[in-house]
Amino acid sequence: MALADLDRLLELRGQDPELAQVMAEPLAMDQLIALAAARGLAVTEADVLAAQERADAAMAPQQLQERVAQEARRLRHFIQG
């Protein structure tokens, strides 16, 4: 896994205004992987999922519960019936 490369891409975002602008919008997984590859970084889908797990583990339980509740509300509005 190249989780370090994903971390590097996120670091570069702070140094590159163009990259920051592109990453400010939601990206599809393949777009994120392509952005990394264009900068010589090897990022995989597994890296993105591992980074999400790492971020979730660092969240306070209350914050995690609030985020899950927000996602559930969005799904209720998205799924009809």
Protein backbone atom coordinates (compact mmCIF):
# COMPACT_ATOMS: atom_id res chain seq x y z
CA MET A 1 0.00 0.00 0.00
CA ALA A 2 1.12 3.51 -0.71
CA LEU A 3 -0.69 5.31 2.06
CA ALA A 4 2.38 7.53 2.38
CA ASP A 5 1.85 8.60 -1.24
CA LEU A 6 -1.74 9.57 -0.47
CA ASP A 7 -0.52 11.56 2.52
CA ARG A 8 2.02 13.25 0.24
CA LEU A 9 -0.72 14.15 -2.27
CA LEU A 10 -2.76 15.72 0.52
CA GLU A 11 0.33 17.61 1.64
CA LEU A 12 0.93 18.87 -1.90
CA ARG A 13 -2.62 20.20 -1.93
CA GLY A 14 -1.51 22.81 0.60
CA GLN A 15 1.38 23.89 -1.62
CA ASP A 16 -0.32 23.83 -5.03
CA PRO A 17 -3.35 26.14 -5.44
CA GLU A 18 -4.42 24.42 -8.67
CA LEU A 19 -4.38 21.01 -7.00
CA ALA A 20 -6.22 22.44 -4.00
CA GLN A 21 -8.93 23.81 -6.30
CA VAL A 22 -9.35 20.46 -8.08
CA MET A 23 -9.47 18.59 -4.78
CA ALA A 24 -11.96 21.03 -3.26
CA GLU A 25 -14.68 19.36 -5.32
CA PRO A 26 -15.80 15.76 -4.83
CA LEU A 27 -13.64 13.44 -6.92
CA ALA A 28 -14.31 9.98 -8.24
CA MET A 29 -11.80 7.39 -7.05
CA ASP A 30 -10.22 7.10 -10.51
CA GLN A 31 -9.81 10.89 -10.69
CA LEU A 32 -7.98 10.96 -7.36
CA ILE A 33 -5.74 8.08 -8.43
CA ALA A 34 -5.00 9.87 -11.72
CA LEU A 35 -4.13 13.11 -9.88
CA ALA A 36 -1.65 11.18 -7.76
CA ALA A 37 -0.17 9.36 -10.75
CA ALA A 38 0.33 12.67 -12.59
CA ARG A 39 2.54 13.69 -9.68
CA GLY A 40 4.50 10.43 -9.62
CA LEU A 41 2.60 9.02 -6.64
CA ALA A 42 1.17 5.51 -6.48
CA VAL A 43 -2.22 5.68 -4.79
CA THR A 44 -4.72 2.83 -4.88
CA GLU A 45 -8.34 2.45 -3.86
CA ALA A 46 -7.15 0.44 -0.87
CA ASP A 47 -5.03 3.42 0.22
CA VAL A 48 -8.03 5.73 0.12
CA LEU A 49 -10.11 3.29 2.16
CA ALA A 50 -7.26 2.84 4.66
CA ALA A 51 -6.96 6.61 5.03
CA GLN A 52 -10.70 6.83 5.68
CA GLU A 53 -10.44 4.12 8.34
CA ARG A 54 -7.51 5.97 9.89
CA ALA A 55 -9.51 9.22 9.98
CA ASP A 56 -12.53 7.44 11.47
CA ALA A 57 -10.38 5.87 14.18
CA ALA A 58 -9.03 9.30 15.12
CA MET A 59 -12.52 10.82 15.49
CA ALA A 60 -14.18 11.20 18.82
CA PRO A 61 -17.17 8.85 19.14
CA GLN A 62 -19.59 11.81 19.20
CA GLN A 63 -18.14 13.22 15.95
CA LEU A 64 -18.35 9.84 14.26
CA GLN A 65 -21.94 9.38 15.38
CA GLU A 66 -22.87 12.84 14.03
CA ARG A 67 -21.26 12.08 10.66
CA VAL A 68 -23.07 8.75 10.38
CA ALA A 69 -26.36 10.47 11.22
CA GLN A 70 -25.80 13.07 8.47
CA GLU A 71 -25.06 10.35 5.93
CA ALA A 72 -28.17 8.44 7.00
CA ARG A 73 -30.32 11.54 6.48
CA ARG A 74 -28.90 12.00 2.97
CA LEU A 75 -29.67 8.37 2.15
CA ARG A 76 -33.24 8.66 3.41
CA HIS A 77 -33.79 11.56 1.01
CA PHE A 78 -32.04 9.78 -1.83
CA ILE A 79 -33.78 6.42 -1.50
CA GLN A 80 -37.47 6.70 -2.31
CA GLY A 81 -40.03 4.23 -1.08
